[in-house]
PDB file of N, CA and C in Angstrom:
ATOM      1  N   MET A   1    -232.904  77.826 136.302  1.00  0.00           N
ATOM      2  CA  MET A   1    -233.733  77.532 137.516  1.00  0.00           C
ATOM      3  C   MET A   1    -233.092  76.356 138.143  1.00  0.00           C
ATOM      4  N   PRO A   2    -233.164  76.484 139.438  1.00  0.00           N
ATOM      5  CA  PRO A   2    -232.542  75.359 140.239  1.00  0.00           C
ATOM      6  C   PRO A   2    -233.684  74.186 140.174  1.00  0.00           C
ATOM      7  N   LYS A   3    -233.084  72.990 140.392  1.00  0.00           N
ATOM      8  CA  LYS A   3    -233.830  71.684 140.203  1.00  0.00           C
ATOM      9  C   LYS A   3    -234.913  71.747 141.212  1.00  0.00           C
ATOM     10  N   VAL A   4    -234.724  72.120 142.421  1.00  0.00           N
ATOM     11  CA  VAL A   4    -235.634  71.967 143.482  1.00  0.00           C
ATOM     12  C   VAL A   4    -236.877  72.904 143.092  1.00  0.00           C
ATOM     13  N   VAL A   5    -236.609  74.177 142.588  1.00  0.00           N
ATOM     14  CA  VAL A   5    -237.737  74.970 142.163  1.00  0.00           C
ATOM     15  C   VAL A   5    -238.460  74.482 140.936  1.00  0.00           C
ATOM     16  N   ALA A   6    -237.672  73.888 140.161  1.00  0.00           N
ATOM     17  CA  ALA A   6    -238.529  73.326 138.934  1.00  0.00           C
ATOM     18  C   ALA A   6    -239.363  72.124 139.326  1.00  0.00           C
ATOM     19  N   THR A   7    -238.919  71.353 140.266  1.00  0.00           N
ATOM     20  CA  THR A   7    -239.621  70.219 140.809  1.00  0.00           C
ATOM     21  C   THR A   7    -240.918  70.758 141.446  1.00  0.00           C
ATOM     22  N   ASP A   8    -240.787  71.790 142.208  1.00  0.00           N
ATOM     23  CA  ASP A   8    -241.870  72.350 143.058  1.00  0.00           C
ATOM     24  C   ASP A   8    -242.984  72.936 142.042  1.00  0.00           C
ATOM     25  N   ARG A   9    -242.493  73.596 140.987  1.00  0.00           N
ATOM     26  CA  ARG A   9    -243.412  74.181 140.176  1.00  0.00           C
ATOM     27  C   ARG A   9    -244.233  73.032 139.335  1.00  0.00           C
ATOM     28  N   ALA A  10    -243.345  71.965 138.898  1.00  0.00           N
ATOM     29  CA  ALA A  10    -244.035  70.951 138.198  1.00  0.00           C
ATOM     30  C   ALA A  10    -245.165  70.187 139.123  1.00  0.00           C
ATOM     31  N   GLY A  11    -244.636  70.108 140.393  1.00  0.00           N
ATOM     32  CA  GLY A  11    -245.667  69.424 141.309  1.00  0.00           C
ATOM     33  C   GLY A  11    -246.982  70.283 141.509  1.00  0.00           C
ATOM     34  N   VAL A  12    -246.917  71.628 141.673  1.00  0.00           N
ATOM     35  CA  VAL A  12    -248.038  72.525 141.668  1.00  0.00           C
ATOM     36  C   VAL A  12    -248.741  72.374 140.380  1.00  0.00           C
ATOM     37  N   ALA A  13    -248.148  72.356 139.265  1.00  0.00           N
ATOM     38  CA  ALA A  13    -248.829  72.236 138.004  1.00  0.00           C
ATOM     39  C   ALA A  13    -249.759  70.928 137.791  1.00  0.00           C
ATOM     40  N   LEU A  14    -249.072  69.785 138.374  1.00  0.00           N
ATOM     41  CA  LEU A  14    -249.814  68.591 138.284  1.00  0.00           C
ATOM     42  C   LEU A  14    -250.904  68.614 139.231  1.00  0.00           C
ATOM     43  N   LEU A  15    -250.808  69.126 140.364  1.00  0.00           N
ATOM     44  CA  LEU A  15    -251.839  69.252 141.396  1.00  0.00           C
ATOM     45  C   LEU A  15    -253.062  70.084 140.916  1.00  0.00           C
ATOM     46  N   LEU A  16    -252.755  71.152 140.201  1.00  0.00           N
ATOM     47  CA  LEU A  16    -253.739  72.022 139.663  1.00  0.00           C
ATOM     48  C   LEU A  16    -254.517  71.373 138.602  1.00  0.00           C
ATOM     49  N   ALA A  17    -253.766  70.710 137.703  1.00  0.00           N
ATOM     50  CA  ALA A  17    -254.328  69.772 136.700  1.00  0.00           C
ATOM     51  C   ALA A  17    -255.349  68.789 137.290  1.00  0.00           C
ATOM     52  N   GLY A  18    -254.929  68.023 138.161  1.00  0.00           N
ATOM     53  CA  GLY A  18    -255.796  67.164 138.886  1.00  0.00           C
ATOM     54  C   GLY A  18    -256.926  67.655 139.490  1.00  0.00           C
ATOM     55  N   VAL A  19    -256.928  68.868 140.055  1.00  0.00           N
ATOM     56  CA  VAL A  19    -258.074  69.655 140.640  1.00  0.00           C
ATOM     57  C   VAL A  19    -259.081  69.920 139.445  1.00  0.00           C
ATOM     58  N   VAL A  20    -258.481  70.439 138.297  1.00  0.00           N
ATOM     59  CA  VAL A  20    -259.344  70.757 137.151  1.00  0.00           C
ATOM     60  C   VAL A  20    -260.182  69.493 136.584  1.00  0.00           C
ATOM     61  N   VAL A  21    -259.342  68.318 136.643  1.00  0.00           N
ATOM     62  CA  VAL A  21    -259.962  67.162 136.149  1.00  0.00           C
ATOM     63  C   VAL A  21    -261.166  66.731 137.104  1.00  0.00           C
ATOM     64  N   VAL A  22    -260.825  66.756 138.356  1.00  0.00           N
ATOM     65  CA  VAL A  22    -261.903  66.352 139.353  1.00  0.00           C
ATOM     66  C   VAL A  22    -263.029  67.371 139.297  1.00  0.00           C
ATOM     67  N   ILE A  23    -262.920  68.552 139.252  1.00  0.00           N
ATOM     68  CA  ILE A  23    -263.986  69.495 138.943  1.00  0.00           C
ATOM     69  C   ILE A  23    -264.769  69.214 137.794  1.00  0.00           C
ATOM     70  N   GLY A  24    -263.971  68.957 136.494  1.00  0.00           N
ATOM     71  CA  GLY A  24    -264.604  68.593 135.513  1.00  0.00           C
ATOM     72  C   GLY A  24    -265.368  67.459 135.427  1.00  0.00           C
ATOM     73  N   LEU A  25    -265.056  66.487 136.034  1.00  0.00           N
ATOM     74  CA  LEU A  25    -265.688  65.119 136.264  1.00  0.00           C
ATOM     75  C   LEU A  25    -266.943  65.420 137.073  1.00  0.00           C
ATOM     76  N   GLY A  26    -266.850  66.234 138.222  1.00  0.00           N
ATOM     77  CA  GLY A  26    -268.060  66.508 139.052  1.00  0.00           C
ATOM     78  C   GLY A  26    -269.123  67.210 138.202  1.00  0.00           C
ATOM     79  N   VAL A  27    -268.811  68.184 137.463  1.00  0.00           N
ATOM     80  CA  VAL A  27    -269.714  68.940 136.552  1.00  0.00           C
ATOM     81  C   VAL A  27    -270.469  68.143 135.525  1.00  0.00           C
ATOM     82  N   ALA A  28    -269.529  67.142 134.988  1.00  0.00           N
ATOM     83  CA  ALA A  28    -270.100  66.397 134.063  1.00  0.00           C
ATOM     84  C   ALA A  28    -271.095  65.213 134.505  1.00  0.00           C
ATOM     85  N   HIS A  29    -270.880  64.822 135.855  1.00  0.00           N
ATOM     86  CA  HIS A  29    -271.686  63.957 136.487  1.00  0.00           C
ATOM     87  C   HIS A  29    -272.972  64.449 137.249  1.00  0.00           C
ATOM     88  N   ARG A  30    -272.931  65.667 137.354  1.00  0.00           N
ATOM     89  CA  ARG A  30    -274.115  66.393 137.861  1.00  0.00           C
ATOM     90  C   ARG A  30    -275.412  66.118 137.384  1.00  0.00           C
ATOM     91  N   PRO A  31    -275.659  66.023 136.051  1.00  0.00           N
ATOM     92  CA  PRO A  31    -277.004  65.595 135.598  1.00  0.00           C
ATOM     93  C   PRO A  31    -277.441  64.201 136.040  1.00  0.00           C
ATOM     94  N   ALA A  32    -276.672  63.335 136.197  1.00  0.00           N
ATOM     95  CA  ALA A  32    -276.834  61.833 136.688  1.00  0.00           C
ATOM     96  C   ALA A  32    -277.076  61.865 138.154  1.00  0.00           C
ATOM     97  N   VAL A  33    -276.444  62.665 138.869  1.00  0.00           N
ATOM     98  CA  VAL A  33    -276.661  62.790 140.362  1.00  0.00           C
ATOM     99  C   VAL A  33    -278.146  63.394 140.458  1.00  0.00           C
ATOM    100  N   ARG A  34    -278.369  64.471 139.829  1.00  0.00           N
ATOM    101  CA  ARG A  34    -279.676  65.136 139.902  1.00  0.00           C
ATOM    102  C   ARG A  34    -280.963  64.163 139.433  1.00  0.00           C
ATOM    103  N   ALA A  35    -280.562  63.380 138.418  1.00  0.00           N
ATOM    104  CA  ALA A  35    -281.743  62.405 137.994  1.00  0.00           C
ATOM    105  C   ALA A  35    -282.000  61.483 138.961  1.00  0.00           C
ATOM    106  N   ALA A  36    -280.794  61.017 139.758  1.00  0.00           N
ATOM    107  CA  ALA A  36    -281.097  59.951 140.757  1.00  0.00           C
ATOM    108  C   ALA A  36    -281.825  60.580 142.043  1.00  0.00           C
ATOM    109  N   GLN A  37    -281.524  61.841 142.268  1.00  0.00           N
ATOM    110  CA  GLN A  37    -282.088  62.539 143.434  1.00  0.00           C
ATOM    111  C   GLN A  37    -283.660  62.702 143.058  1.00  0.00           C
ATOM    112  N   ASP A  38    -283.971  63.083 141.941  1.00  0.00           N
ATOM    113  CA  ASP A  38    -285.268  63.295 141.392  1.00  0.00           C
ATOM    114  C   ASP A  38    -286.133  61.978 141.376  1.00  0.00           C
ATOM    115  N   ASP A  39    -285.556  60.877 140.977  1.00  0.00           N
ATOM    116  CA  ASP A  39    -286.092  59.574 140.936  1.00  0.00           C
ATOM    117  C   ASP A  39    -286.411  59.063 142.438  1.00  0.00           C
ATOM    118  N   LEU A  40    -285.525  59.391 143.327  1.00  0.00           N
ATOM    119  CA  LEU A  40    -285.726  58.991 144.679  1.00  0.00           C
ATOM    120  C   LEU A  40    -286.868  59.870 145.251  1.00  0.00           C
ATOM    121  N   ALA A  41    -286.884  61.177 144.870  1.00  0.00           N
ATOM    122  CA  ALA A  41    -287.998  61.937 145.460  1.00  0.00           C
ATOM    123  C   ALA A  41    -289.365  61.505 144.847  1.00  0.00           C
ATOM    124  N   ALA A  42    -289.351  61.182 143.555  1.00  0.00           N
ATOM    125  CA  ALA A  42    -290.719  60.890 143.001  1.00  0.00           C
ATOM    126  C   ALA A  42    -291.215  59.523 143.530  1.00  0.00           C
ATOM    127  N   GLN A  43    -290.360  58.528 143.787  1.00  0.00           N
ATOM    128  CA  GLN A  43    -290.839  57.386 144.384  1.00  0.00           C
ATOM    129  C   GLN A  43    -291.345  57.513 145.740  1.00  0.00           C
ATOM    130  N   ALA A  44    -290.551  58.356 146.603  1.00  0.00           N
ATOM    131  CA  ALA A  44    -290.902  58.713 147.870  1.00  0.00           C
ATOM    132  C   ALA A  44    -292.386  59.422 147.976  1.00  0.00           C
ATOM    133  N   ALA A  45    -292.568  60.382 147.010  1.00  0.00           N
ATOM    134  CA  ALA A  45    -293.978  61.131 147.011  1.00  0.00           C
ATOM    135  C   ALA A  45    -295.164  60.030 146.646  1.00  0.00           C
ATOM    136  N   GLN A  46    -294.811  59.227 145.734  1.00  0.00           N
ATOM    137  CA  GLN A  46    -295.722  58.141 145.420  1.00  0.00           C
ATOM    138  C   GLN A  46    -296.090  57.143 146.394  1.00  0.00           C
ATOM    139  N   ALA A  47    -295.109  56.795 147.073  1.00  0.00           N
ATOM    140  CA  ALA A  47    -295.213  55.736 148.065  1.00  0.00           C
ATOM    141  C   ALA A  47    -295.955  56.437 149.213  1.00  0.00           C
ATOM    142  N   ARG A  48    -295.614  57.694 149.630  1.00  0.00           N
ATOM    143  CA  ARG A  48    -296.347  58.361 150.694  1.00  0.00           C
ATOM    144  C   ARG A  48    -297.997  58.491 150.427  1.00  0.00           C
ATOM    145  N   ARG A  49    -298.141  58.700 148.991  1.00  0.00           N
ATOM    146  CA  ARG A  49    -299.572  58.972 148.685  1.00  0.00           C
ATOM    147  C   ARG A  49    -300.371  57.603 148.862  1.00  0.00           C
ATOM    148  N   TYR A  50    -299.504  56.508 148.469  1.00  0.00           N
ATOM    149  CA  TYR A  50    -300.079  55.085 148.551  1.00  0.00           C
ATOM    150  C   TYR A  50    -300.456  54.830 150.225  1.00  0.00           C
ATOM    151  N   PHE A  51    -299.423  55.249 150.940  1.00  0.00           N
ATOM    152  CA  PHE A  51    -299.579  54.840 152.364  1.00  0.00           C
ATOM    153  C   PHE A  51    -300.698  55.613 152.950  1.00  0.00           C
ATOM    154  N   VAL A  52    -300.859  56.894 152.556  1.00  0.00           N
ATOM    155  CA  VAL A  52    -302.002  57.820 153.044  1.00  0.00           C
ATOM    156  C   VAL A  52    -303.316  57.120 152.817  1.00  0.00           C
ATOM    157  N   ASN A  53    -303.393  56.601 151.614  1.00  0.00           N
ATOM    158  CA  ASN A  53    -304.820  55.910 151.001  1.00  0.00           C
ATOM    159  C   ASN A  53    -304.942  54.564 151.480  1.00  0.00           C
ATOM    160  N   GLN A  54    -303.906  53.832 151.704  1.00  0.00           N
ATOM    161  CA  GLN A  54    -304.033  52.374 151.796  1.00  0.00           C
ATOM    162  C   GLN A  54    -303.550  51.753 153.222  1.00  0.00           C
ATOM    163  N   ALA A  55    -302.635  52.412 153.795  1.00  0.00           N
ATOM    164  CA  ALA A  55    -302.084  51.846 155.010  1.00  0.00           C
ATOM    165  C   ALA A  55    -302.998  51.944 156.234  1.00  0.00           C
ATOM    166  N   PRO A  56    -303.035  50.969 157.039  1.00  0.00           N
ATOM    167  CA  PRO A  56    -303.800  51.018 158.329  1.00  0.00           C
ATOM    168  C   PRO A  56    -303.324  52.058 159.145  1.00  0.00           C
ATOM    169  N   ALA A  57    -304.133  52.636 160.071  1.00  0.00           N
ATOM    170  CA  ALA A  57    -303.715  53.812 160.752  1.00  0.00           C
ATOM    171  C   ALA A  57    -302.557  53.608 161.676  1.00  0.00           C
ATOM    172  N   GLN A  58    -302.259  52.560 162.140  1.00  0.00           N
ATOM    173  CA  GLN A  58    -301.023  52.262 163.016  1.00  0.00           C
ATOM    174  C   GLN A  58    -299.712  52.527 162.232  1.00  0.00           C
ATOM    175  N   TYR A  59    -299.747  52.366 160.856  1.00  0.00           N
ATOM    176  CA  TYR A  59    -298.584  52.795 160.025  1.00  0.00           C
ATOM    177  C   TYR A  59    -298.554  54.228 159.701  1.00  0.00           C
ATOM    178  N   GLN A  60    -299.786  55.005 159.530  1.00  0.00           N
ATOM    179  CA  GLN A  60    -299.923  56.203 159.035  1.00  0.00           C
ATOM    180  C   GLN A  60    -299.316  57.205 160.093  1.00  0.00           C
ATOM    181  N   ALA A  61    -299.140  56.771 161.271  1.00  0.00           N
ATOM    182  CA  ALA A  61    -298.590  57.634 162.277  1.00  0.00           C
ATOM    183  C   ALA A  61    -296.962  57.802 162.076  1.00  0.00           C
ATOM    184  N   ASN A  62    -296.449  56.877 161.249  1.00  0.00           N
ATOM    185  CA  ASN A  62    -295.051  56.998 160.993  1.00  0.00           C
ATOM    186  C   ASN A  62    -294.673  57.304 159.627  1.00  0.00           C
ATOM    187  N   LEU A  63    -295.477  58.183 158.883  1.00  0.00           N
ATOM    188  CA  LEU A  63    -295.261  58.580 157.585  1.00  0.00           C
ATOM    189  C   LEU A  63    -294.168  59.457 157.404  1.00  0.00           C
ATOM    190  N   ASN A  64    -293.642  60.204 158.385  1.00  0.00           N
ATOM    191  CA  ASN A  64    -292.452  60.952 158.173  1.00  0.00           C
ATOM    192  C   ASN A  64    -291.092  60.155 158.462  1.00  0.00           C
ATOM    193  N   HIS A  65    -291.429  58.793 158.553  1.00  0.00           N
ATOM    194  CA  HIS A  65    -290.084  57.899 158.863  1.00  0.00           C
ATOM    195  C   HIS A  65    -290.157  56.788 157.835  1.00  0.00           C
ATOM    196  N   LEU A  66    -290.014  56.996 156.521  1.00  0.00           N
ATOM    197  CA  LEU A  66    -290.017  56.029 155.508  1.00  0.00           C
ATOM    198  C   LEU A  66    -288.641  55.336 155.455  1.00  0.00           C
ATOM    199  N   SER A  67    -288.617  54.132 154.986  1.00  0.00           N
ATOM    200  CA  SER A  67    -287.348  53.506 154.901  1.00  0.00           C
ATOM    201  C   SER A  67    -287.347  52.925 153.365  1.00  0.00           C
ATOM    202  N   THR A  68    -286.308  53.345 152.650  1.00  0.00           N
ATOM    203  CA  THR A  68    -286.270  52.851 151.281  1.00  0.00           C
ATOM    204  C   THR A  68    -285.005  52.228 150.865  1.00  0.00           C
ATOM    205  N   TRP A  69    -285.319  51.237 150.240  1.00  0.00           N
ATOM    206  CA  TRP A  69    -284.162  50.298 149.592  1.00  0.00           C
ATOM    207  C   TRP A  69    -284.141  50.393 148.208  1.00  0.00           C
ATOM    208  N   LYS A  70    -283.144  50.727 147.618  1.00  0.00           N
ATOM    209  CA  LYS A  70    -283.047  50.790 146.147  1.00  0.00           C
ATOM    210  C   LYS A  70    -282.620  49.286 145.503  1.00  0.00           C
ATOM    211  N   GLN A  71    -283.622  48.629 144.901  1.00  0.00           N
ATOM    212  CA  GLN A  71    -283.316  47.420 144.468  1.00  0.00           C
ATOM    213  C   GLN A  71    -282.833  47.145 142.984  1.00  0.00           C
ATOM    214  N   GLY A  72    -282.995  48.226 142.268  1.00  0.00           N
ATOM    215  CA  GLY A  72    -282.623  48.078 140.912  1.00  0.00           C
ATOM    216  C   GLY A  72    -282.523  49.612 140.385  1.00  0.00           C
ATOM    217  N   PRO A  73    -282.254  49.731 139.010  1.00  0.00           N
ATOM    218  CA  PRO A  73    -282.152  51.113 138.324  1.00  0.00           C
ATOM    219  C   PRO A  73    -283.442  51.971 138.670  1.00  0.00           C
ATOM    220  N   ASN A  74    -284.621  51.260 138.592  1.00  0.00           N
ATOM    221  CA  ASN A  74    -285.911  51.994 138.780  1.00  0.00           C
ATOM    222  C   ASN A  74    -286.865  51.422 139.702  1.00  0.00           C
ATOM    223  N   LEU A  75    -286.282  50.642 140.733  1.00  0.00           N
ATOM    224  CA  LEU A  75    -287.183  49.847 141.535  1.00  0.00           C
ATOM    225  C   LEU A  75    -286.724  50.134 142.973  1.00  0.00           C
ATOM    226  N   TYR A  76    -287.599  50.513 143.841  1.00  0.00           N
ATOM    227  CA  TYR A  76    -287.479  50.807 145.167  1.00  0.00           C
ATOM    228  C   TYR A  76    -288.416  49.974 146.103  1.00  0.00           C
ATOM    229  N   ARG A  77    -288.012  49.555 147.257  1.00  0.00           N
ATOM    230  CA  ARG A  77    -288.875  49.023 148.171  1.00  0.00           C
ATOM    231  C   ARG A  77    -288.924  50.007 149.450  1.00  0.00           C
ATOM    232  N   THR A  78    -290.086  50.501 149.721  1.00  0.00           N
ATOM    233  CA  THR A  78    -290.378  51.507 150.611  1.00  0.00           C
ATOM    234  C   THR A  78    -291.255  51.073 151.647  1.00  0.00           C
ATOM    235  N   CYS A  79    -290.848  51.210 153.100  1.00  0.00           N
ATOM    236  CA  CYS A  79    -291.574  50.687 154.068  1.00  0.00           C
ATOM    237  C   CYS A  79    -291.899  51.834 155.041  1.00  0.00           C
ATOM    238  N   VAL A  80    -293.048  51.654 155.742  1.00  0.00           N
ATOM    239  CA  VAL A  80    -293.287  52.564 156.954  1.00  0.00           C
ATOM    240  C   VAL A  80    -293.489  51.540 158.117  1.00  0.00           C
ATOM    241  N   ALA A  81    -292.975  51.897 159.289  1.00  0.00           N
ATOM    242  CA  ALA A  81    -293.029  50.960 160.435  1.00  0.00           C
ATOM    243  C   ALA A  81    -294.245  51.256 161.140  1.00  0.00           C
ATOM    244  N   GLY A  82    -294.795  50.158 161.781  1.00  0.00           N
ATOM    245  CA  GLY A  82    -295.850  50.217 162.762  1.00  0.00           C
ATOM    246  C   GLY A  82    -295.420  50.180 164.201  1.00  0.00           C
ATOM    247  N   ALA A  83    -296.357  49.738 164.988  1.00  0.00           N
ATOM    248  CA  ALA A  83    -296.052  49.674 166.405  1.00  0.00           C
ATOM    249  C   ALA A  83    -295.261  48.579 166.655  1.00  0.00           C
ATOM    250  N   ASP A  84    -295.270  47.522 165.966  1.00  0.00           N
ATOM    251  CA  ASP A  84    -294.478  46.245 166.145  1.00  0.00           C
ATOM    252  C   ASP A  84    -293.091  46.504 165.344  1.00  0.00           C
ATOM    253  N   PRO A  85    -291.984  46.634 165.823  1.00  0.00           N
ATOM    254  CA  PRO A  85    -290.697  46.884 165.005  1.00  0.00           C
ATOM    255  C   PRO A  85    -290.434  45.648 164.062  1.00  0.00           C
ATOM    256  N   GLU A  86    -290.959  44.566 164.297  1.00  0.00           N
ATOM    257  CA  GLU A  86    -290.700  43.409 163.317  1.00  0.00           C
ATOM    258  C   GLU A  86    -291.697  43.365 162.120  1.00  0.00           C
ATOM    259  N   ARG A  87    -292.648  44.443 161.978  1.00  0.00           N
ATOM    260  CA  ARG A  87    -293.549  44.491 161.115  1.00  0.00           C
ATOM    261  C   ARG A  87    -293.689  45.694 160.383  1.00  0.00           C
ATOM    262  N   ALA A  88    -293.724  45.847 159.134  1.00  0.00           N
ATOM    263  CA  ALA A  88    -293.802  47.261 158.364  1.00  0.00           C
ATOM    264  C   ALA A  88    -294.822  46.980 157.237  1.00  0.00           C
ATOM    265  N   PHE A  89    -295.242  48.042 156.792  1.00  0.00           N
ATOM    266  CA  PHE A  89    -296.152  48.048 155.549  1.00  0.00           C
ATOM    267  C   PHE A  89    -295.251  48.578 154.445  1.00  0.00           C
ATOM    268  N   CYS A  90    -295.036  47.733 153.411  1.00  0.00           N
ATOM    269  CA  CYS A  90    -294.170  47.991 152.428  1.00  0.00           C
ATOM    270  C   CYS A  90    -294.681  47.938 150.996  1.00  0.00           C
ATOM    271  N   VAL A  91    -294.195  48.770 150.193  1.00  0.00           N
ATOM    272  CA  VAL A  91    -294.570  48.743 148.748  1.00  0.00           C
ATOM    273  C   VAL A  91    -293.338  48.750 147.891  1.00  0.00           C
ATOM    274  N   PHE A  92    -293.488  48.214 146.635  1.00  0.00           N
ATOM    275  CA  PHE A  92    -292.405  48.335 145.612  1.00  0.00           C
ATOM    276  C   PHE A  92    -292.812  49.458 144.690  1.00  0.00           C
ATOM    277  N   VAL A  93    -292.023  50.356 144.451  1.00  0.00           N
ATOM    278  CA  VAL A  93    -292.256  51.603 143.546  1.00  0.00           C
ATOM    279  C   VAL A  93    -291.361  51.496 142.477  1.00  0.00           C
ATOM    280  N   ASN A  94    -292.003  51.403 141.173  1.00  0.00           N
ATOM    281  CA  ASN A  94    -291.198  51.411 139.877  1.00  0.00           C
ATOM    282  C   ASN A  94    -291.352  52.610 139.288  1.00  0.00           C
ATOM    283  N   THR A  95    -290.208  53.511 138.989  1.00  0.00           N
ATOM    284  CA  THR A  95    -290.057  54.728 138.563  1.00  0.00           C
ATOM    285  C   THR A  95    -289.848  54.804 137.088  1.00  0.00           C
ATOM    286  N   ASP A  96    -289.928  53.624 136.305  1.00  0.00           N
ATOM    287  CA  ASP A  96    -289.625  53.874 134.901  1.00  0.00           C
ATOM    288  C   ASP A  96    -291.019  54.038 134.207  1.00  0.00           C
ATOM    289  N   GLN A  97    -291.974  54.579 134.925  1.00  0.00           N
ATOM    290  CA  GLN A  97    -293.320  54.999 134.284  1.00  0.00           C
ATOM    291  C   GLN A  97    -293.722  56.154 135.028  1.00  0.00           C
ATOM    292  N   SER A  98    -294.593  56.987 134.407  1.00  0.00           N
ATOM    293  CA  SER A  98    -295.155  58.199 135.015  1.00  0.00           C
ATOM    294  C   SER A  98    -296.578  58.113 135.065  1.00  0.00           C
ATOM    295  N   PRO A  99    -297.252  58.291 136.163  1.00  0.00           N
ATOM    296  CA  PRO A  99    -296.417  58.373 137.442  1.00  0.00           C
ATOM    297  C   PRO A  99    -295.757  57.080 137.882  1.00  0.00           C
ATOM    298  N   PRO A 100    -294.963  57.020 139.027  1.00  0.00           N
ATOM    299  CA  PRO A 100    -294.411  55.730 139.342  1.00  0.00           C
ATOM    300  C   PRO A 100    -295.471  54.887 139.735  1.00  0.00           C
ATOM    301  N   GLY A 101    -295.340  53.511 139.374  1.00  0.00           N
ATOM    302  CA  GLY A 101    -296.182  52.408 139.774  1.00  0.00           C
ATOM    303  C   GLY A 101    -295.836  51.742 141.168  1.00  0.00           C
ATOM    304  N   VAL A 102    -297.004  51.476 141.973  1.00  0.00           N
ATOM    305  CA  VAL A 102    -296.894  51.049 143.340  1.00  0.00           C
ATOM    306  C   VAL A 102    -297.463  49.781 143.433  1.00  0.00           C
ATOM    307  N   THR A 103    -296.785  48.840 144.025  1.00  0.00           N
ATOM    308  CA  THR A 103    -297.394  47.431 144.255  1.00  0.00           C
ATOM    309  C   THR A 103    -297.119  47.168 145.634  1.00  0.00           C
ATOM    310  N   ARG A 104    -298.019  46.619 146.351  1.00  0.00           N
ATOM    311  CA  ARG A 104    -297.960  46.206 147.881  1.00  0.00           C
ATOM    312  C   ARG A 104    -297.101  44.957 147.819  1.00  0.00           C
ATOM    313  N   ASP A 105    -296.097  45.100 148.766  1.00  0.00           N
ATOM    314  CA  ASP A 105    -295.346  43.923 149.126  1.00  0.00           C
ATOM    315  C   ASP A 105    -295.803  43.274 150.412  1.00  0.00           C
ATOM    316  N   HIS A 106    -296.349  42.013 150.449  1.00  0.00           N
ATOM    317  CA  HIS A 106    -297.006  41.475 151.462  1.00  0.00           C
ATOM    318  C   HIS A 106    -295.974  40.837 152.492  1.00  0.00           C
ATOM    319  N   ASP A 107    -294.649  40.936 152.170  1.00  0.00           N
ATOM    320  CA  ASP A 107    -293.559  40.520 153.124  1.00  0.00           C
ATOM    321  C   ASP A 107    -293.540  41.848 154.118  1.00  0.00           C
ATOM    322  N   GLN A 108    -293.808  41.572 155.358  1.00  0.00           N
ATOM    323  CA  GLN A 108    -293.938  42.738 156.341  1.00  0.00           C
ATOM    324  C   GLN A 108    -292.541  42.984 157.025  1.00  0.00           C
ATOM    325  N   ARG A 109    -291.514  42.184 156.501  1.00  0.00           N
ATOM    326  CA  ARG A 109    -290.233  42.617 157.299  1.00  0.00           C
ATOM    327  C   ARG A 109    -289.726  43.974 156.895  1.00  0.00           C
ATOM    328  N   PRO A 110    -289.279  44.605 157.988  1.00  0.00           N
ATOM    329  CA  PRO A 110    -288.642  45.980 157.612  1.00  0.00           C
ATOM    330  C   PRO A 110    -287.453  45.928 156.677  1.00  0.00           C
ATOM    331  N   ASN A 111    -287.055  46.896 155.920  1.00  0.00           N
ATOM    332  CA  ASN A 111    -286.056  46.863 155.014  1.00  0.00           C
ATOM    333  C   ASN A 111    -284.701  46.386 155.478  1.00  0.00           C
ATOM    334  N   ALA A 112    -284.486  46.782 156.792  1.00  0.00           N
ATOM    335  CA  ALA A 112    -283.040  46.366 157.333  1.00  0.00           C
ATOM    336  C   ALA A 112    -283.103  44.785 157.668  1.00  0.00           C
ATOM    337  N   ASP A 113    -284.277  44.232 157.884  1.00  0.00           N
ATOM    338  CA  ASP A 113    -284.338  42.719 158.098  1.00  0.00           C
ATOM    339  C   ASP A 113    -284.202  41.963 156.718  1.00  0.00           C
ATOM    340  N   ALA A 114    -284.986  42.602 155.726  1.00  0.00           N
ATOM    341  CA  ALA A 114    -284.870  41.968 154.411  1.00  0.00           C
ATOM    342  C   ALA A 114    -283.563  42.091 153.897  1.00  0.00           C
ATOM    343  N   MET A 115    -282.959  43.120 154.142  1.00  0.00           N
ATOM    344  CA  MET A 115    -281.548  43.267 153.494  1.00  0.00           C
ATOM    345  C   MET A 115    -280.539  42.331 154.126  1.00  0.00           C
ATOM    346  N   ARG A 116    -280.737  42.143 155.299  1.00  0.00           N
ATOM    347  CA  ARG A 116    -279.778  41.199 155.945  1.00  0.00           C
ATOM    348  C   ARG A 116    -280.052  39.788 155.526  1.00  0.00           C
ATOM    349  N   ALA A 117    -281.419  39.389 155.279  1.00  0.00           N
ATOM    350  CA  ALA A 117    -281.681  38.147 154.766  1.00  0.00           C
ATOM    351  C   ALA A 117    -281.271  37.919 153.249  1.00  0.00           C
ATOM    352  N   GLY A 118    -280.757  38.953 152.646  1.00  0.00           N
ATOM    353  CA  GLY A 118    -280.314  38.879 151.227  1.00  0.00           C
ATOM    354  C   GLY A 118    -281.375  38.590 150.406  1.00  0.00           C
ATOM    355  N   ARG A 119    -282.645  39.199 150.696  1.00  0.00           N
ATOM    356  CA  ARG A 119    -283.720  39.097 149.794  1.00  0.00           C
ATOM    357  C   ARG A 119    -283.552  39.412 148.378  1.00  0.00           C
TER     358      ARG A 119
END
């Protein structure tokens, strides 16, 4: 077999091996990705319930526009904006318990501002 053909076949074999490895890693990582998605969905549902029951009316109008900042493995800061773009109604949601625990955050900075400040 000519060298150029052997090199081409070796390259194809290595490329296929790389594809198999990437697919295998993706399949192996899927449960972790699914768990993270479930965690995010659980905290959003719990935050939304809290906002419906506790947030003033001006914030409830924006319940479809939550802003979430993941602050740790099981800790999220979720905010809903009000009429004033500089003020938000925010909660901390801890998902290491069932149902997730919710604590009001009295800092009314929106997540974008709090992240910039390095909170």
